[in-house]
Every structure is written in structure tokens, then in C-alpha cells.
Amino acid sequence: MMFAFISIAIFFMMEGISWCTHKYVMHGFGWFLHEDHHQPRYDGFEKNDVFFVIFAIPSMLLFYFSSVPGFSYLAAIGLGILGYGIAYFLVHDVLIHQRFKWFKKTNNRYLKGLRKAHMIHHKNMKKEESKCFGMLFVPFKYFEKSKRIQRKNTA
């Protein structure tokens, strides 16, 4: 039970870590790696994909060191990070940017709101003045806009 609690707590904490990393690292000293992600059209791999590896390393190390007796909670932390990485990949690369054409467009209000917030983030192609650095939790106003648009389309 504690293992699951730790994993879930870490999953949710990763949104805050991801937000801070996106705002202060990717749009800070790591901009040289993130900049190509803000270009109007990109295909294949981009320098920004290095961040996926950077985030995966702690998870892999935690799984490795969890084999030491008495440190099994490290696997729970690693699992939380891994879970967030999978969710991030599915939402960001598959759903939002459609780098992989696995799913058709959705009418789900939550997913539409996430996509809208991320598109607002990409409106600015510069290092400064960006908005919406979150991935899974974004301001409610983007869900409301999505809701109004959905109502307008069904009326």
C-alpha cells in the first residue's frame, strides 16, 4: 500500500518538477536544446528530445539502487517518475504534437484543454514571455474555453 502511495505522490510531484524545469531550465540556460521545439514545423527527432533522456536517468538509477536491501522505496519513486514520463510522452508527443499518429483527434474536454494551453505556450517562439509551462495540470480557463467551443459546436 505504501509503495503505491509513494509512486502516486511522486507522479503528481513530477508535474511541479516538470513545470519548474520547463520554465527555468528549458526556457533558461537549456534554451539551446529546447529552441527547436518552438519552431513552426519540425519532423523527426529534435534537440529537445534530450530532456526525455535527462528525466529518464533518475528513474533508471532509482530502479537500479532499489535492489539494495532496505531501499525498496526507491523503486516506488522510480515508478512514479516513469509513470509521469509515460503520461508526458502520450500527452505531449502523441496527443498534442501528434509526432506519432497513434490516435485520432479527441472530443474529450480535458485533453482539448491541455492541447489549447500548450498551443498558447507555443504561440511565443522566443525564450522569454511564454505562458503555460505545465503539462497535465493547466489553468482552468483553457478547459472553460474548450467547454464553450464544444457547446457552440453542438448548438
C-alpha atoms as a PDB file:
ATOM      1  CA  MET A   1       0.000   0.000   0.000  1.00  0.00           C
ATOM      2  CA  MET A   2       2.802   2.419   0.896  1.00  0.00           C
ATOM      3  CA  PHE A   3       4.596   1.540  -2.364  1.00  0.00           C
ATOM      4  CA  ALA A   4       1.527   2.627  -4.383  1.00  0.00           C
ATOM      5  CA  PHE A   5       1.088   5.794  -2.299  1.00  0.00           C
ATOM      6  CA  ILE A   6       4.723   6.813  -2.861  1.00  0.00           C
ATOM      7  CA  SER A   7       4.503   6.129  -6.603  1.00  0.00           C
ATOM      8  CA  ILE A   8       1.290   8.155  -6.989  1.00  0.00           C
ATOM      9  CA  ALA A   9       2.614  11.022  -4.865  1.00  0.00           C
ATOM     10  CA  ILE A  10       5.813  11.174  -6.919  1.00  0.00           C
ATOM     11  CA  PHE A  11       3.771  11.106 -10.144  1.00  0.00           C
ATOM     12  CA  PHE A  12       1.903  14.249  -9.032  1.00  0.00           C
ATOM     13  CA  MET A  13       5.078  15.903  -7.709  1.00  0.00           C
ATOM     14  CA  MET A  14       6.659  15.417 -11.130  1.00  0.00           C
ATOM     15  CA  GLU A  15       4.204  17.924 -12.613  1.00  0.00           C
ATOM     16  CA  GLY A  16       5.713  20.618 -10.379  1.00  0.00           C
ATOM     17  CA  ILE A  17       9.245  19.486 -11.168  1.00  0.00           C
ATOM     18  CA  SER A  18       8.394  19.411 -14.866  1.00  0.00           C
ATOM     19  CA  TRP A  19       6.837  22.902 -14.685  1.00  0.00           C
ATOM     20  CA  CYS A  20       9.934  24.347 -12.964  1.00  0.00           C
ATOM     21  CA  THR A  21      12.295  22.571 -15.358  1.00  0.00           C
ATOM     22  CA  HIS A  22      10.323  23.804 -18.361  1.00  0.00           C
ATOM     23  CA  LYS A  23      10.214  27.411 -17.156  1.00  0.00           C
ATOM     24  CA  TYR A  24      13.668  27.803 -15.607  1.00  0.00           C
ATOM     25  CA  VAL A  25      15.847  25.295 -17.465  1.00  0.00           C
ATOM     26  CA  MET A  26      14.279  24.805 -20.891  1.00  0.00           C
ATOM     27  CA  HIS A  27      13.408  28.494 -21.176  1.00  0.00           C
ATOM     28  CA  GLY A  28      16.607  29.405 -19.326  1.00  0.00           C
ATOM     29  CA  PHE A  29      20.125  28.055 -19.729  1.00  0.00           C
ATOM     30  CA  GLY A  30      18.843  24.980 -21.615  1.00  0.00           C
ATOM     31  CA  TRP A  31      17.150  27.021 -24.335  1.00  0.00           C
ATOM     32  CA  PHE A  32      19.759  25.889 -26.883  1.00  0.00           C
ATOM     33  CA  LEU A  33      18.262  22.384 -26.572  1.00  0.00           C
ATOM     34  CA  HIS A  34      14.609  23.469 -26.341  1.00  0.00           C
ATOM     35  CA  GLU A  35      14.576  26.168 -29.020  1.00  0.00           C
ATOM     36  CA  ASP A  36      13.983  23.828 -31.958  1.00  0.00           C
ATOM     37  CA  HIS A  37      10.803  22.602 -30.251  1.00  0.00           C
ATOM     38  CA  HIS A  38       9.359  26.112 -30.602  1.00  0.00           C
ATOM     39  CA  GLN A  39       9.944  26.282 -34.348  1.00  0.00           C
ATOM     40  CA  PRO A  40       6.800  26.262 -36.508  1.00  0.00           C
ATOM     41  CA  ARG A  41       7.472  22.906 -38.153  1.00  0.00           C
ATOM     42  CA  TYR A  42       9.724  20.098 -37.028  1.00  0.00           C
ATOM     43  CA  ASP A  43       9.900  16.484 -38.074  1.00  0.00           C
ATOM     44  CA  GLY A  44      11.623  13.507 -36.535  1.00  0.00           C
ATOM     45  CA  PHE A  45      13.908  13.943 -33.568  1.00  0.00           C
ATOM     46  CA  GLU A  46      14.857  17.313 -32.195  1.00  0.00           C
ATOM     47  CA  LYS A  47      17.456  18.504 -29.699  1.00  0.00           C
ATOM     48  CA  ASN A  48      14.623  18.963 -27.194  1.00  0.00           C
ATOM     49  CA  ASP A  49      14.287  15.150 -27.002  1.00  0.00           C
ATOM     50  CA  VAL A  50      17.457  15.129 -24.889  1.00  0.00           C
ATOM     51  CA  PHE A  51      15.282  16.245 -21.962  1.00  0.00           C
ATOM     52  CA  PHE A  52      13.375  12.952 -22.198  1.00  0.00           C
ATOM     53  CA  VAL A  53      16.654  11.112 -21.553  1.00  0.00           C
ATOM     54  CA  ILE A  54      17.630  13.541 -18.775  1.00  0.00           C
ATOM     55  CA  PHE A  55      14.325  12.841 -16.980  1.00  0.00           C
ATOM     56  CA  ALA A  56      14.665   9.067 -17.515  1.00  0.00           C
ATOM     57  CA  ILE A  57      18.106   8.795 -15.887  1.00  0.00           C
ATOM     58  CA  PRO A  58      16.938   9.362 -12.277  1.00  0.00           C
ATOM     59  CA  SER A  59      14.173   6.794 -12.732  1.00  0.00           C
ATOM     60  CA  MET A  60      16.609   4.200 -14.081  1.00  0.00           C
ATOM     61  CA  LEU A  61      19.092   4.881 -11.267  1.00  0.00           C
ATOM     62  CA  LEU A  62      16.353   4.556  -8.651  1.00  0.00           C
ATOM     63  CA  PHE A  63      15.305   1.179 -10.059  1.00  0.00           C
ATOM     64  CA  TYR A  64      18.940   0.062 -10.074  1.00  0.00           C
ATOM     65  CA  PHE A  65      19.644   1.150  -6.482  1.00  0.00           C
ATOM     66  CA  SER A  66      16.331  -0.247  -5.214  1.00  0.00           C
ATOM     67  CA  SER A  67      17.891  -3.704  -5.409  1.00  0.00           C
ATOM     68  CA  VAL A  68      19.996  -2.816  -2.341  1.00  0.00           C
ATOM     69  CA  PRO A  69      18.348  -4.383   0.756  1.00  0.00           C
ATOM     70  CA  GLY A  70      16.339  -1.851   2.749  1.00  0.00           C
ATOM     71  CA  PHE A  71      15.948   0.609  -0.144  1.00  0.00           C
ATOM     72  CA  SER A  72      12.881  -0.838  -1.879  1.00  0.00           C
ATOM     73  CA  TYR A  73      11.087   2.528  -1.593  1.00  0.00           C
ATOM     74  CA  LEU A  74      13.476   3.782  -4.290  1.00  0.00           C
ATOM     75  CA  ALA A  75      11.647   1.569  -6.803  1.00  0.00           C
ATOM     76  CA  ALA A  76       8.366   3.276  -5.846  1.00  0.00           C
ATOM     77  CA  ILE A  77       9.929   6.682  -6.536  1.00  0.00           C
ATOM     78  CA  GLY A  78      11.368   5.416  -9.816  1.00  0.00           C
ATOM     79  CA  LEU A  79       7.956   4.045 -10.794  1.00  0.00           C
ATOM     80  CA  GLY A  80       6.306   7.420 -10.118  1.00  0.00           C
ATOM     81  CA  ILE A  81       8.859   9.172 -12.342  1.00  0.00           C
ATOM     82  CA  LEU A  82       8.446   6.509 -15.033  1.00  0.00           C
ATOM     83  CA  GLY A  83       4.660   6.828 -14.907  1.00  0.00           C
ATOM     84  CA  TYR A  84       4.876  10.582 -15.350  1.00  0.00           C
ATOM     85  CA  GLY A  85       7.316  10.130 -18.237  1.00  0.00           C
ATOM     86  CA  ILE A  86       4.886   7.797 -19.992  1.00  0.00           C
ATOM     87  CA  ALA A  87       1.966  10.196 -19.408  1.00  0.00           C
ATOM     88  CA  TYR A  88       4.073  13.123 -20.624  1.00  0.00           C
ATOM     89  CA  PHE A  89       5.061  11.246 -23.777  1.00  0.00           C
ATOM     90  CA  LEU A  90       1.481  10.215 -24.553  1.00  0.00           C
ATOM     91  CA  VAL A  91       0.035  13.676 -23.906  1.00  0.00           C
ATOM     92  CA  HIS A  92       2.827  15.837 -25.322  1.00  0.00           C
ATOM     93  CA  ASP A  93       4.260  13.881 -28.226  1.00  0.00           C
ATOM     94  CA  VAL A  94       1.314  11.708 -29.249  1.00  0.00           C
ATOM     95  CA  LEU A  95      -1.791  13.782 -28.465  1.00  0.00           C
ATOM     96  CA  ILE A  96      -0.665  17.416 -28.640  1.00  0.00           C
ATOM     97  CA  HIS A  97       2.062  17.452 -31.284  1.00  0.00           C
ATOM     98  CA  GLN A  98       0.947  14.252 -32.992  1.00  0.00           C
ATOM     99  CA  ARG A  99       4.528  13.209 -33.674  1.00  0.00           C
ATOM    100  CA  PHE A 100       3.175   9.678 -33.681  1.00  0.00           C
ATOM    101  CA  LYS A 101      -0.157   9.163 -35.397  1.00  0.00           C
ATOM    102  CA  TRP A 102      -1.483   6.583 -32.943  1.00  0.00           C
ATOM    103  CA  PHE A 103      -4.777   8.207 -32.003  1.00  0.00           C
ATOM    104  CA  LYS A 104      -7.324  10.269 -33.849  1.00  0.00           C
ATOM    105  CA  LYS A 105      -8.328  13.673 -32.515  1.00  0.00           C
ATOM    106  CA  THR A 106     -10.387  13.614 -29.370  1.00  0.00           C
ATOM    107  CA  ASN A 107     -13.537  15.369 -28.196  1.00  0.00           C
ATOM    108  CA  ASN A 108     -12.521  14.921 -24.547  1.00  0.00           C
ATOM    109  CA  ARG A 109     -12.789  18.340 -22.850  1.00  0.00           C
ATOM    110  CA  TYR A 110      -9.788  17.749 -20.556  1.00  0.00           C
ATOM    111  CA  LEU A 111      -7.495  16.692 -23.411  1.00  0.00           C
ATOM    112  CA  LYS A 112      -8.712  19.563 -25.604  1.00  0.00           C
ATOM    113  CA  GLY A 113      -7.966  21.980 -22.744  1.00  0.00           C
ATOM    114  CA  LEU A 114      -4.442  20.577 -22.357  1.00  0.00           C
ATOM    115  CA  ARG A 115      -3.865  20.957 -26.088  1.00  0.00           C
ATOM    116  CA  LYS A 116      -5.192  24.544 -26.089  1.00  0.00           C
ATOM    117  CA  ALA A 117      -2.910  25.546 -23.193  1.00  0.00           C
ATOM    118  CA  HIS A 118       0.106  24.006 -24.904  1.00  0.00           C
ATOM    119  CA  MET A 119      -0.677  25.776 -28.163  1.00  0.00           C
ATOM    120  CA  ILE A 120      -0.813  29.064 -26.206  1.00  0.00           C
ATOM    121  CA  HIS A 121       2.662  28.195 -24.916  1.00  0.00           C
ATOM    122  CA  HIS A 122       3.882  27.650 -28.480  1.00  0.00           C
ATOM    123  CA  LYS A 123       2.421  30.927 -29.763  1.00  0.00           C
ATOM    124  CA  ASN A 124       5.588  32.581 -28.482  1.00  0.00           C
ATOM    125  CA  MET A 125       8.628  31.190 -30.277  1.00  0.00           C
ATOM    126  CA  LYS A 126      11.105  33.045 -28.075  1.00  0.00           C
ATOM    127  CA  LYS A 127      12.842  32.141 -24.851  1.00  0.00           C
ATOM    128  CA  GLU A 128      11.041  34.819 -22.829  1.00  0.00           C
ATOM    129  CA  GLU A 129       7.395  35.720 -22.341  1.00  0.00           C
ATOM    130  CA  SER A 130       5.967  32.204 -22.669  1.00  0.00           C
ATOM    131  CA  LYS A 131       2.912  31.059 -20.703  1.00  0.00           C
ATOM    132  CA  CYS A 132       1.552  27.678 -19.571  1.00  0.00           C
ATOM    133  CA  PHE A 133       4.570  25.605 -18.615  1.00  0.00           C
ATOM    134  CA  GLY A 134       2.543  22.733 -17.150  1.00  0.00           C
ATOM    135  CA  MET A 135       1.643  19.549 -18.958  1.00  0.00           C
ATOM    136  CA  LEU A 136      -1.094  17.666 -17.121  1.00  0.00           C
ATOM    137  CA  PHE A 137      -2.399  20.485 -14.904  1.00  0.00           C
ATOM    138  CA  VAL A 138      -3.028  23.778 -16.670  1.00  0.00           C
ATOM    139  CA  PRO A 139      -5.170  26.825 -15.770  1.00  0.00           C
ATOM    140  CA  PHE A 140      -8.920  26.126 -15.715  1.00  0.00           C
ATOM    141  CA  LYS A 141      -9.604  28.884 -18.235  1.00  0.00           C
ATOM    142  CA  TYR A 142      -8.363  26.622 -21.031  1.00  0.00           C
ATOM    143  CA  PHE A 143     -10.884  23.960 -20.102  1.00  0.00           C
ATOM    144  CA  GLU A 144     -13.650  26.551 -19.946  1.00  0.00           C
ATOM    145  CA  LYS A 145     -12.761  27.835 -23.423  1.00  0.00           C
ATOM    146  CA  SER A 146     -12.833  24.272 -24.653  1.00  0.00           C
ATOM    147  CA  LYS A 147     -16.223  23.764 -22.969  1.00  0.00           C
ATOM    148  CA  ARG A 148     -17.677  26.925 -24.602  1.00  0.00           C
ATOM    149  CA  ILE A 149     -16.372  25.916 -28.004  1.00  0.00           C
ATOM    150  CA  GLN A 150     -17.805  22.434 -27.550  1.00  0.00           C
ATOM    151  CA  ARG A 151     -21.227  23.877 -26.581  1.00  0.00           C
ATOM    152  CA  LYS A 152     -21.153  26.242 -29.553  1.00  0.00           C
ATOM    153  CA  ASN A 153     -20.401  23.354 -31.936  1.00  0.00           C
ATOM    154  CA  THR A 154     -23.269  21.207 -30.601  1.00  0.00           C
ATOM    155  CA  ALA A 155     -25.843  24.033 -30.661  1.00  0.00           C
END
